[in-house]
């Protein structure tokens, strides 16, 4: 079983200097939010395997069905093909099976993967 979720959009911009509070100094003032993102944002796809106590992740430039399929393919490669994998996901639209796009469901069926979606507005 793997628990999968994504986080984004991440604004990964390095800032010079020490930004954290240390034991011997006062905290620095908070940085103001910036809407300037000249290099775009990133999205984190992450999966936790409770049986192995491992966390797997990929950072992508965009979050859509193809990137989810790439990440699920990499998760599938962690286990032998005859082992059935259960992936517990939220209800983010790129993972949901719809009448117009069955790519996720078809890939799951052919690669011995079961995808379980959590109910709407659940944690």
Protein backbone atom coordinates (compact mmCIF):
# COMPACT_ATOMS: atom_id res chain seq x y z
CA UNK A 1 0.00 0.00 0.00
CA UNK A 2 1.21 3.50 -0.85
CA UNK A 3 -0.37 6.79 0.20
CA UNK A 4 0.04 9.44 -2.50
CA UNK A 5 -0.54 13.17 -2.53
CA UNK A 6 0.81 16.26 -4.22
CA UNK A 7 1.81 19.66 -2.98
CA UNK A 8 2.10 22.76 -5.06
CA UNK A 9 2.68 25.23 -6.22
CA UNK A 10 6.10 25.52 -4.59
CA UNK A 11 8.04 28.74 -5.02
CA UNK A 12 11.60 27.42 -4.83
CA UNK A 13 13.71 30.55 -4.74
CA UNK A 14 17.00 30.66 -2.86
CA UNK A 15 17.52 33.60 -0.52
CA UNK A 16 21.00 34.65 0.58
CA UNK A 17 21.92 34.81 4.24
CA UNK A 18 20.72 33.01 7.30
CA UNK A 19 16.94 33.08 7.58
CA UNK A 20 16.37 30.82 10.58
CA UNK A 21 16.33 31.71 14.23
CA UNK A 22 19.34 30.36 16.05
CA UNK A 23 19.78 29.66 19.77
CA UNK A 24 21.87 32.82 20.18
CA UNK A 25 19.99 35.34 18.03
CA UNK A 26 16.60 36.87 17.41
CA UNK A 27 14.43 35.70 14.51
CA UNK A 28 14.71 37.72 11.32
CA UNK A 29 11.69 39.57 10.00
CA UNK A 30 9.39 37.51 7.82
CA UNK A 31 9.85 37.78 4.08
CA UNK A 32 6.93 39.25 2.19
CA UNK A 33 5.17 37.11 -0.38
CA UNK A 34 6.18 37.77 -3.95
CA UNK A 35 4.14 37.21 -7.08
CA UNK A 36 7.27 37.43 -9.23
CA UNK A 37 8.21 33.95 -10.40
CA UNK A 38 10.47 34.34 -13.43
CA UNK A 39 11.29 30.63 -13.57
CA UNK A 40 7.83 29.29 -12.75
CA UNK A 41 6.75 27.14 -9.84
CA UNK A 42 7.24 23.44 -9.01
CA UNK A 43 4.89 20.72 -7.82
CA UNK A 44 5.79 17.85 -5.50
CA UNK A 45 4.35 14.38 -6.04
CA UNK A 46 5.00 12.29 -2.92
CA UNK A 47 4.10 8.78 -1.79
CA UNK A 48 4.57 7.15 1.60
CA UNK A 49 4.90 3.40 1.98
CA UNK A 50 3.98 2.52 5.58
CA UNK A 51 5.16 -1.11 5.26
CA UNK A 52 8.70 -0.05 4.36
CA UNK A 53 8.50 3.32 6.18
CA UNK A 54 9.81 5.04 3.04
CA UNK A 55 8.92 8.35 1.43
CA UNK A 56 9.23 8.73 -2.35
CA UNK A 57 8.93 11.99 -4.25
CA UNK A 58 9.29 13.74 -7.60
CA UNK A 59 9.35 17.47 -8.28
CA UNK A 60 7.70 18.43 -11.56
CA UNK A 61 7.14 21.67 -13.45
CA UNK A 62 3.46 20.99 -14.07
CA UNK A 63 0.77 18.91 -12.39
CA UNK A 64 -1.47 16.93 -14.77
CA UNK A 65 -2.43 13.38 -15.70
CA UNK A 66 0.77 12.54 -17.62
CA UNK A 67 3.00 13.54 -14.69
CA UNK A 68 0.85 11.49 -12.32
CA UNK A 69 1.22 8.48 -14.64
CA UNK A 70 5.01 8.95 -14.74
CA UNK A 71 5.15 9.03 -10.94
CA UNK A 72 2.90 5.98 -10.59
CA UNK A 73 5.10 4.14 -13.12
CA UNK A 74 8.14 4.85 -10.95
CA UNK A 75 6.24 3.59 -7.88
CA UNK A 76 5.28 0.42 -9.77
CA UNK A 77 8.95 -0.24 -10.56
CA UNK A 78 9.73 -0.48 -6.83
CA UNK A 79 7.87 -3.80 -6.52
CA UNK A 80 7.84 -7.02 -8.58
CA UNK A 81 5.12 -7.08 -11.29
CA UNK A 82 3.23 -9.95 -9.66
CA UNK A 83 2.75 -7.98 -6.41
CA UNK A 84 -0.52 -6.02 -6.41
CA UNK A 85 -0.10 -2.43 -5.24
CA UNK A 86 -2.81 -0.31 -3.63
CA UNK A 87 -2.36 3.46 -4.04
CA UNK A 88 -4.51 5.62 -1.77
CA UNK A 89 -5.08 9.04 -3.36
CA UNK A 90 -7.09 12.15 -2.79
CA UNK A 91 -9.64 13.24 -5.35
CA UNK A 92 -7.45 15.58 -7.42
CA UNK A 93 -8.86 15.72 -10.95
CA UNK A 94 -5.83 14.32 -12.91
CA UNK A 95 -6.19 11.03 -11.03
CA UNK A 96 -9.93 10.63 -11.37
CA UNK A 97 -11.30 8.37 -14.06
CA UNK A 98 -13.72 10.21 -16.33
CA UNK A 99 -15.63 9.26 -19.45
CA UNK A 100 -13.41 11.43 -21.64
CA UNK A 101 -10.03 10.20 -20.29
CA UNK A 102 -9.50 6.69 -18.93
CA UNK A 103 -5.69 6.72 -19.09
CA UNK A 104 -5.20 6.38 -15.33
CA UNK A 105 -7.71 3.54 -14.97
CA UNK A 106 -6.36 1.70 -18.01
CA UNK A 107 -2.76 1.97 -16.82
CA UNK A 108 -3.73 0.80 -13.33
CA UNK A 109 -5.58 -2.22 -14.73
CA UNK A 110 -2.70 -3.34 -16.93
CA UNK A 111 0.02 -2.87 -14.31
CA UNK A 112 -1.64 -4.70 -11.35
CA UNK A 113 -2.36 -1.50 -9.40
CA UNK A 114 -5.51 -0.60 -7.49
CA UNK A 115 -6.21 3.10 -6.97
CA UNK A 116 -8.47 4.06 -4.07
CA UNK A 117 -9.75 7.65 -3.84
CA UNK A 118 -10.62 9.32 -0.56
CA UNK A 119 -14.02 11.02 -0.25
CA UNK A 120 -14.34 14.72 -1.05
CA UNK A 121 -13.25 17.06 1.77
CA UNK A 122 -11.73 14.27 3.85
CA UNK A 123 -8.29 14.36 5.40
